[in-house]
All heavy atoms as atom14 arrays in JSON, in Angstrom:
{
  "sequence": "PVADLAAAVDLSADWLRRLFAAEAGLPLGRYEMTLRLQT",
  "atom14_mask": [
    [1, 1, 1, 1, 1, 1, 1, 0, 0, 0, 0, 0, 0, 0],
    [1, 1, 1, 1, 1, 1, 1, 0, 0, 0, 0, 0, 0, 0],
    [1, 1, 1, 1, 1, 0, 0, 0, 0, 0, 0, 0, 0, 0],
    [1, 1, 1, 1, 1, 1, 1, 1, 0, 0, 0, 0, 0, 0],
    [1, 1, 1, 1, 1, 1, 1, 1, 0, 0, 0, 0, 0, 0],
    [1, 1, 1, 1, 1, 0, 0, 0, 0, 0, 0, 0, 0, 0],
    [1, 1, 1, 1, 1, 0, 0, 0, 0, 0, 0, 0, 0, 0],
    [1, 1, 1, 1, 1, 0, 0, 0, 0, 0, 0, 0, 0, 0],
    [1, 1, 1, 1, 1, 1, 1, 0, 0, 0, 0, 0, 0, 0],
    [1, 1, 1, 1, 1, 1, 1, 1, 0, 0, 0, 0, 0, 0],
    [1, 1, 1, 1, 1, 1, 1, 1, 0, 0, 0, 0, 0, 0],
    [1, 1, 1, 1, 1, 1, 0, 0, 0, 0, 0, 0, 0, 0],
    [1, 1, 1, 1, 1, 0, 0, 0, 0, 0, 0, 0, 0, 0],
    [1, 1, 1, 1, 1, 1, 1, 1, 0, 0, 0, 0, 0, 0],
    [1, 1, 1, 1, 1, 1, 1, 1, 1, 1, 1, 1, 1, 1],
    [1, 1, 1, 1, 1, 1, 1, 1, 0, 0, 0, 0, 0, 0],
    [1, 1, 1, 1, 1, 1, 1, 1, 1, 1, 1, 0, 0, 0],
    [1, 1, 1, 1, 1, 1, 1, 1, 1, 1, 1, 0, 0, 0],
    [1, 1, 1, 1, 1, 1, 1, 1, 0, 0, 0, 0, 0, 0],
    [1, 1, 1, 1, 1, 1, 1, 1, 1, 1, 1, 0, 0, 0],
    [1, 1, 1, 1, 1, 0, 0, 0, 0, 0, 0, 0, 0, 0],
    [1, 1, 1, 1, 1, 0, 0, 0, 0, 0, 0, 0, 0, 0],
    [1, 1, 1, 1, 1, 1, 1, 1, 1, 0, 0, 0, 0, 0],
    [1, 1, 1, 1, 1, 0, 0, 0, 0, 0, 0, 0, 0, 0],
    [1, 1, 1, 1, 0, 0, 0, 0, 0, 0, 0, 0, 0, 0],
    [1, 1, 1, 1, 1, 1, 1, 1, 0, 0, 0, 0, 0, 0],
    [1, 1, 1, 1, 1, 1, 1, 0, 0, 0, 0, 0, 0, 0],
    [1, 1, 1, 1, 1, 1, 1, 1, 0, 0, 0, 0, 0, 0],
    [1, 1, 1, 1, 0, 0, 0, 0, 0, 0, 0, 0, 0, 0],
    [1, 1, 1, 1, 1, 1, 1, 1, 1, 1, 1, 0, 0, 0],
    [1, 1, 1, 1, 1, 1, 1, 1, 1, 1, 1, 1, 0, 0],
    [1, 1, 1, 1, 1, 1, 1, 1, 1, 0, 0, 0, 0, 0],
    [1, 1, 1, 1, 1, 1, 1, 1, 0, 0, 0, 0, 0, 0],
    [1, 1, 1, 1, 1, 1, 1, 0, 0, 0, 0, 0, 0, 0],
    [1, 1, 1, 1, 1, 1, 1, 1, 0, 0, 0, 0, 0, 0],
    [1, 1, 1, 1, 1, 1, 1, 1, 1, 1, 1, 0, 0, 0],
    [1, 1, 1, 1, 1, 1, 1, 1, 0, 0, 0, 0, 0, 0],
    [1, 1, 1, 1, 1, 1, 1, 1, 1, 0, 0, 0, 0, 0],
    [1, 1, 1, 1, 1, 1, 1, 0, 0, 0, 0, 0, 0, 0]
  ],
  "atom14_positions": [
    [[83.22, -21.51, -4.51], [82.52, -22.7, -4.8], [81.53, -23.12, -3.68], [81.76, -22.76, -2.47], [83.68, -23.74, -4.8], [84.95, -22.82, -5.1], [84.68, -21.6, -4.46], [0.0, 0.0, 0.0], [0.0, 0.0, 0.0], [0.0, 0.0, 0.0], [0.0, 0.0, 0.0], [0.0, 0.0, 0.0], [0.0, 0.0, 0.0], [0.0, 0.0, 0.0]],
    [[80.56, -23.82, -4.01], [79.49, -24.31, -3.05], [80.22, -25.07, -1.94], [79.86, -24.96, -0.71], [78.37, -25.1, -3.71], [77.48, -25.66, -2.61], [77.74, -24.3, -4.75], [0.0, 0.0, 0.0], [0.0, 0.0, 0.0], [0.0, 0.0, 0.0], [0.0, 0.0, 0.0], [0.0, 0.0, 0.0], [0.0, 0.0, 0.0], [0.0, 0.0, 0.0]],
    [[81.22, -25.9, -2.3], [81.89, -26.73, -1.3], [82.56, -25.76, -0.21], [82.56, -26.22, 0.99], [82.87, -27.49, -1.92], [0.0, 0.0, 0.0], [0.0, 0.0, 0.0], [0.0, 0.0, 0.0], [0.0, 0.0, 0.0], [0.0, 0.0, 0.0], [0.0, 0.0, 0.0], [0.0, 0.0, 0.0], [0.0, 0.0, 0.0], [0.0, 0.0, 0.0]],
    [[83.11, -24.72, -0.6], [83.77, -23.8, 0.37], [82.68, -23.1, 1.26], [82.92, -23.03, 2.47], [84.61, -22.74, -0.37], [85.8, -23.31, -1.02], [86.11, -24.54, -0.9], [86.47, -22.59, -1.71], [0.0, 0.0, 0.0], [0.0, 0.0, 0.0], [0.0, 0.0, 0.0], [0.0, 0.0, 0.0], [0.0, 0.0, 0.0], [0.0, 0.0, 0.0]],
    [[81.6, -22.75, 0.68], [80.5, -22.16, 1.39], [79.92, -23.17, 2.41], [79.69, -22.77, 3.59], [79.41, -21.68, 0.48], [79.71, -20.52, -0.4], [78.6, -20.34, -1.49], [79.93, -19.18, 0.31], [0.0, 0.0, 0.0], [0.0, 0.0, 0.0], [0.0, 0.0, 0.0], [0.0, 0.0, 0.0], [0.0, 0.0, 0.0], [0.0, 0.0, 0.0]],
    [[79.81, -24.36, 2.03], [79.25, -25.39, 2.9], [80.21, -25.65, 4.01], [79.81, -25.76, 5.25], [78.97, -26.69, 2.12], [0.0, 0.0, 0.0], [0.0, 0.0, 0.0], [0.0, 0.0, 0.0], [0.0, 0.0, 0.0], [0.0, 0.0, 0.0], [0.0, 0.0, 0.0], [0.0, 0.0, 0.0], [0.0, 0.0, 0.0], [0.0, 0.0, 0.0]],
    [[81.57, -25.74, 3.77], [82.5, -26.05, 4.79], [82.58, -24.96, 5.81], [82.8, -25.24, 6.94], [83.88, -26.26, 4.11], [0.0, 0.0, 0.0], [0.0, 0.0, 0.0], [0.0, 0.0, 0.0], [0.0, 0.0, 0.0], [0.0, 0.0, 0.0], [0.0, 0.0, 0.0], [0.0, 0.0, 0.0], [0.0, 0.0, 0.0], [0.0, 0.0, 0.0]],
    [[82.32, -23.73, 5.46], [82.36, -22.61, 6.38], [81.27, -22.68, 7.46], [81.35, -22.15, 8.53], [82.21, -21.34, 5.64], [0.0, 0.0, 0.0], [0.0, 0.0, 0.0], [0.0, 0.0, 0.0], [0.0, 0.0, 0.0], [0.0, 0.0, 0.0], [0.0, 0.0, 0.0], [0.0, 0.0, 0.0], [0.0, 0.0, 0.0], [0.0, 0.0, 0.0]],
    [[80.2, -23.44, 7.19], [79.09, -23.62, 8.14], [78.91, -25.07, 8.55], [77.86, -25.47, 9.06], [77.83, -23.02, 7.67], [77.84, -21.51, 7.58], [77.4, -23.61, 6.17], [0.0, 0.0, 0.0], [0.0, 0.0, 0.0], [0.0, 0.0, 0.0], [0.0, 0.0, 0.0], [0.0, 0.0, 0.0], [0.0, 0.0, 0.0], [0.0, 0.0, 0.0]],
    [[79.94, -25.89, 8.31], [79.99, -27.31, 8.69], [78.81, -28.14, 8.14], [78.17, -28.87, 8.86], [79.92, -27.41, 10.2], [81.2, -26.76, 10.91], [82.3, -27.0, 10.26], [81.09, -26.19, 11.91], [0.0, 0.0, 0.0], [0.0, 0.0, 0.0], [0.0, 0.0, 0.0], [0.0, 0.0, 0.0], [0.0, 0.0, 0.0], [0.0, 0.0, 0.0]],
    [[78.57, -27.9, 6.82], [77.55, -28.59, 6.14], [78.1, -29.25, 4.91], [79.17, -28.85, 4.39], [76.34, -27.76, 5.74], [75.5, -27.14, 6.87], [74.55, -26.1, 6.24], [74.74, -28.19, 7.7], [0.0, 0.0, 0.0], [0.0, 0.0, 0.0], [0.0, 0.0, 0.0], [0.0, 0.0, 0.0], [0.0, 0.0, 0.0], [0.0, 0.0, 0.0]],
    [[77.57, -30.32, 4.46], [77.8, -30.87, 3.13], [77.29, -29.92, 2.05], [76.33, -29.21, 2.32], [77.38, -32.22, 2.89], [75.97, -32.3, 2.86], [0.0, 0.0, 0.0], [0.0, 0.0, 0.0], [0.0, 0.0, 0.0], [0.0, 0.0, 0.0], [0.0, 0.0, 0.0], [0.0, 0.0, 0.0], [0.0, 0.0, 0.0], [0.0, 0.0, 0.0]],
    [[77.8, -29.97, 0.8], [77.32, -29.15, -0.24], [75.93, -29.46, -0.56], [74.99, -28.56, -0.73], [78.18, -29.4, -1.44], [0.0, 0.0, 0.0], [0.0, 0.0, 0.0], [0.0, 0.0, 0.0], [0.0, 0.0, 0.0], [0.0, 0.0, 0.0], [0.0, 0.0, 0.0], [0.0, 0.0, 0.0], [0.0, 0.0, 0.0], [0.0, 0.0, 0.0]],
    [[75.47, -30.76, -0.59], [73.99, -31.11, -0.78], [73.2, -30.6, 0.28], [72.04, -30.14, 0.07], [73.96, -32.62, -0.94], [74.47, -33.18, -2.21], [74.77, -32.31, -3.18], [74.74, -34.4, -2.4], [0.0, 0.0, 0.0], [0.0, 0.0, 0.0], [0.0, 0.0, 0.0], [0.0, 0.0, 0.0], [0.0, 0.0, 0.0], [0.0, 0.0, 0.0]],
    [[73.57, -30.77, 1.57], [72.71, -30.31, 2.67], [72.59, -28.78, 2.66], [71.51, -28.26, 2.91], [73.27, -30.77, 3.99], [72.32, -30.47, 5.17], [72.57, -29.57, 6.17], [71.0, -30.95, 5.34], [71.56, -29.53, 6.97], [70.55, -30.3, 6.55], [70.24, -31.82, 4.63], [69.32, -30.57, 7.05], [68.91, -32.08, 5.17], [68.46, -31.45, 6.34]],
    [[73.65, -28.07, 2.34], [73.61, -26.67, 2.19], [72.55, -26.21, 1.13], [71.68, -25.29, 1.35], [74.93, -26.04, 1.83], [74.93, -24.55, 1.6], [74.37, -23.76, 2.8], [76.3, -24.06, 1.15], [0.0, 0.0, 0.0], [0.0, 0.0, 0.0], [0.0, 0.0, 0.0], [0.0, 0.0, 0.0], [0.0, 0.0, 0.0], [0.0, 0.0, 0.0]],
    [[72.6, -26.87, 0.07], [71.59, -26.54, -1.04], [70.22, -26.77, -0.53], [69.3, -25.88, -0.83], [71.89, -27.35, -2.26], [73.17, -27.02, -3.06], [73.23, -27.74, -4.39], [74.41, -27.43, -5.15], [75.48, -28.21, -5.17], [75.56, -29.31, -4.39], [76.59, -27.91, -5.87], [0.0, 0.0, 0.0], [0.0, 0.0, 0.0], [0.0, 0.0, 0.0]],
    [[69.92, -27.86, 0.11], [68.61, -28.07, 0.61], [68.25, -27.06, 1.62], [67.04, -26.52, 1.67], [68.53, -29.49, 1.18], [68.49, -30.65, 0.09], [68.11, -31.87, 0.73], [69.01, -32.44, 1.65], [70.02, -33.21, 1.43], [70.24, -33.58, 0.15], [70.83, -33.69, 2.37], [0.0, 0.0, 0.0], [0.0, 0.0, 0.0], [0.0, 0.0, 0.0]],
    [[69.03, -26.78, 2.61], [68.76, -25.83, 3.6], [68.59, -24.47, 3.12], [67.66, -23.68, 3.54], [69.85, -25.9, 4.79], [69.61, -25.04, 5.94], [68.37, -25.39, 6.71], [70.86, -25.02, 6.92], [0.0, 0.0, 0.0], [0.0, 0.0, 0.0], [0.0, 0.0, 0.0], [0.0, 0.0, 0.0], [0.0, 0.0, 0.0], [0.0, 0.0, 0.0]],
    [[69.41, -24.08, 2.18], [69.34, -22.74, 1.64], [68.02, -22.55, 0.96], [67.33, -21.47, 1.07], [70.43, -22.5, 0.62], [70.65, -21.08, 0.21], [71.61, -20.26, 0.74], [69.86, -20.5, -0.76], [71.83, -18.96, 0.39], [70.04, -19.21, -1.13], [71.02, -18.41, -0.62], [0.0, 0.0, 0.0], [0.0, 0.0, 0.0], [0.0, 0.0, 0.0]],
    [[67.62, -23.55, 0.09], [66.31, -23.35, -0.58], [65.15, -23.31, 0.32], [64.13, -22.5, 0.17], [66.13, -24.55, -1.55], [0.0, 0.0, 0.0], [0.0, 0.0, 0.0], [0.0, 0.0, 0.0], [0.0, 0.0, 0.0], [0.0, 0.0, 0.0], [0.0, 0.0, 0.0], [0.0, 0.0, 0.0], [0.0, 0.0, 0.0], [0.0, 0.0, 0.0]],
    [[65.19, -24.05, 1.5], [64.05, -24.03, 2.39], [64.04, -22.7, 3.18], [63.0, -22.16, 3.45], [64.19, -25.22, 3.4], [0.0, 0.0, 0.0], [0.0, 0.0, 0.0], [0.0, 0.0, 0.0], [0.0, 0.0, 0.0], [0.0, 0.0, 0.0], [0.0, 0.0, 0.0], [0.0, 0.0, 0.0], [0.0, 0.0, 0.0], [0.0, 0.0, 0.0]],
    [[65.27, -22.18, 3.53], [65.25, -21.02, 4.29], [65.1, -19.65, 3.49], [64.37, -18.8, 3.9], [66.59, -20.96, 5.1], [66.7, -21.87, 6.32], [65.8, -21.43, 7.43], [65.9, -20.23, 7.8], [65.08, -22.2, 7.96], [0.0, 0.0, 0.0], [0.0, 0.0, 0.0], [0.0, 0.0, 0.0], [0.0, 0.0, 0.0], [0.0, 0.0, 0.0]],
    [[65.79, -19.7, 2.43], [65.88, -18.47, 1.63], [64.69, -18.27, 0.62], [64.42, -17.17, 0.22], [67.15, -18.32, 0.86], [0.0, 0.0, 0.0], [0.0, 0.0, 0.0], [0.0, 0.0, 0.0], [0.0, 0.0, 0.0], [0.0, 0.0, 0.0], [0.0, 0.0, 0.0], [0.0, 0.0, 0.0], [0.0, 0.0, 0.0], [0.0, 0.0, 0.0]],
    [[64.05, -19.41, 0.32], [62.87, -19.31, -0.5], [63.23, -19.5, -2.05], [62.36, -19.34, -2.83], [0.0, 0.0, 0.0], [0.0, 0.0, 0.0], [0.0, 0.0, 0.0], [0.0, 0.0, 0.0], [0.0, 0.0, 0.0], [0.0, 0.0, 0.0], [0.0, 0.0, 0.0], [0.0, 0.0, 0.0], [0.0, 0.0, 0.0], [0.0, 0.0, 0.0]],
    [[64.5, -19.77, -2.37], [64.86, -20.02, -3.76], [66.2, -20.82, -3.71], [66.94, -20.73, -2.71], [64.99, -18.75, -4.6], [66.23, -17.93, -4.46], [66.24, -16.91, -5.55], [66.4, -17.26, -3.11], [0.0, 0.0, 0.0], [0.0, 0.0, 0.0], [0.0, 0.0, 0.0], [0.0, 0.0, 0.0], [0.0, 0.0, 0.0], [0.0, 0.0, 0.0]],
    [[66.56, -21.48, -4.81], [67.82, -22.15, -4.84], [69.06, -21.3, -4.66], [69.03, -20.14, -5.1], [67.83, -22.85, -6.2], [66.48, -22.95, -6.6], [65.76, -21.74, -5.97], [0.0, 0.0, 0.0], [0.0, 0.0, 0.0], [0.0, 0.0, 0.0], [0.0, 0.0, 0.0], [0.0, 0.0, 0.0], [0.0, 0.0, 0.0], [0.0, 0.0, 0.0]],
    [[70.18, -21.77, -4.23], [71.38, -21.04, -3.98], [71.92, -20.49, -5.29], [72.34, -19.31, -5.35], [72.45, -21.92, -3.33], [73.68, -21.37, -2.92], [74.3, -22.08, -1.71], [74.83, -21.32, -3.93], [0.0, 0.0, 0.0], [0.0, 0.0, 0.0], [0.0, 0.0, 0.0], [0.0, 0.0, 0.0], [0.0, 0.0, 0.0], [0.0, 0.0, 0.0]],
    [[71.78, -21.23, -6.37], [72.33, -20.77, -7.69], [71.58, -19.42, -8.09], [72.09, -18.56, -8.74], [0.0, 0.0, 0.0], [0.0, 0.0, 0.0], [0.0, 0.0, 0.0], [0.0, 0.0, 0.0], [0.0, 0.0, 0.0], [0.0, 0.0, 0.0], [0.0, 0.0, 0.0], [0.0, 0.0, 0.0], [0.0, 0.0, 0.0], [0.0, 0.0, 0.0]],
    [[70.29, -19.42, -7.83], [69.45, -18.22, -8.3], [69.76, -16.99, -7.35], [69.76, -15.96, -7.85], [67.89, -18.61, -8.26], [67.51, -19.54, -9.38], [66.02, -19.62, -9.32], [65.55, -20.58, -10.3], [64.26, -20.89, -10.52], [63.29, -20.25, -9.84], [63.95, -21.75, -11.4], [0.0, 0.0, 0.0], [0.0, 0.0, 0.0], [0.0, 0.0, 0.0]],
    [[70.04, -17.32, -6.11], [70.52, -16.26, -5.24], [71.81, -15.67, -5.7], [71.9, -14.43, -5.73], [70.72, -16.73, -3.88], [70.85, -15.7, -2.79], [69.86, -15.05, -2.13], [72.1, -15.26, -2.44], [70.01, -14.02, -1.28], [72.43, -14.31, -1.55], [71.44, -13.69, -0.93], [71.61, -12.67, -0.01], [0.0, 0.0, 0.0], [0.0, 0.0, 0.0]],
    [[72.76, -16.52, -6.12], [74.02, -16.01, -6.59], [73.85, -15.15, -7.86], [74.52, -14.16, -8.06], [74.97, -17.17, -6.81], [76.41, -16.86, -7.11], [76.71, -16.78, -8.61], [75.95, -17.21, -9.44], [77.8, -16.14, -8.97], [0.0, 0.0, 0.0], [0.0, 0.0, 0.0], [0.0, 0.0, 0.0], [0.0, 0.0, 0.0], [0.0, 0.0, 0.0]],
    [[72.87, -15.66, -8.78], [72.69, -14.86, -9.99], [72.05, -13.57, -9.74], [72.45, -12.43, -10.38], [71.75, -15.65, -10.87], [71.47, -15.03, -12.24], [72.92, -14.61, -13.18], [73.62, -16.29, -13.59], [0.0, 0.0, 0.0], [0.0, 0.0, 0.0], [0.0, 0.0, 0.0], [0.0, 0.0, 0.0], [0.0, 0.0, 0.0], [0.0, 0.0, 0.0]],
    [[71.2, -13.41, -8.62], [70.67, -12.2, -8.27], [71.73, -11.24, -7.82], [71.72, -10.03, -8.23], [69.7, -12.46, -7.03], [68.59, -13.18, -7.48], [69.14, -11.03, -6.58], [0.0, 0.0, 0.0], [0.0, 0.0, 0.0], [0.0, 0.0, 0.0], [0.0, 0.0, 0.0], [0.0, 0.0, 0.0], [0.0, 0.0, 0.0], [0.0, 0.0, 0.0]],
    [[72.76, -11.65, -7.07], [73.81, -10.83, -6.71], [74.59, -10.27, -7.93], [75.0, -9.14, -8.04], [74.83, -11.66, -5.74], [74.31, -11.99, -4.4], [75.23, -12.79, -3.69], [73.84, -10.79, -3.63], [0.0, 0.0, 0.0], [0.0, 0.0, 0.0], [0.0, 0.0, 0.0], [0.0, 0.0, 0.0], [0.0, 0.0, 0.0], [0.0, 0.0, 0.0]],
    [[74.8, -11.15, -8.93], [75.52, -10.71, -10.1], [74.71, -9.59, -10.88], [75.26, -8.61, -11.27], [75.73, -11.87, -11.05], [76.72, -12.91, -10.55], [77.07, -13.87, -11.75], [77.87, -14.94, -11.24], [78.52, -15.83, -12.02], [78.36, -15.76, -13.39], [79.21, -16.83, -11.59], [0.0, 0.0, 0.0], [0.0, 0.0, 0.0], [0.0, 0.0, 0.0]],
    [[73.41, -9.8, -11.0], [72.6, -8.83, -11.7], [72.5, -7.5, -10.98], [72.46, -6.47, -11.55], [71.15, -9.39, -11.88], [71.08, -10.62, -12.85], [69.72, -11.2, -12.81], [71.38, -10.16, -14.36], [0.0, 0.0, 0.0], [0.0, 0.0, 0.0], [0.0, 0.0, 0.0], [0.0, 0.0, 0.0], [0.0, 0.0, 0.0], [0.0, 0.0, 0.0]],
    [[72.51, -7.59, -9.64], [72.57, -6.37, -8.84], [73.8, -5.61, -9.06], [73.85, -4.38, -9.18], [72.4, -6.64, -7.35], [71.07, -7.11, -6.94], [70.94, -7.55, -5.46], [71.94, -7.81, -4.87], [69.8, -7.67, -5.02], [0.0, 0.0, 0.0], [0.0, 0.0, 0.0], [0.0, 0.0, 0.0], [0.0, 0.0, 0.0], [0.0, 0.0, 0.0]],
    [[74.92, -6.29, -9.18], [76.27, -5.67, -9.44], [76.18, -4.99, -10.79], [76.69, -3.86, -10.96], [77.38, -6.66, -9.37], [77.39, -7.22, -8.04], [78.72, -6.07, -9.61], [0.0, 0.0, 0.0], [0.0, 0.0, 0.0], [0.0, 0.0, 0.0], [0.0, 0.0, 0.0], [0.0, 0.0, 0.0], [0.0, 0.0, 0.0], [0.0, 0.0, 0.0]]
  ]
}
C-alpha cells in the first residue's frame, strides 16, 4: 500500500505521491503498472 511505502521514508502518502511524480517523471500508480507489465 502507498501508506506503507510512505511510512518507510517518513512521508505522508499525499506528499510521497507529489514527490514521486516530480522526481520520477510520472505518477506513482503508473510506475507500479509499468512494473506489472514488465513482469
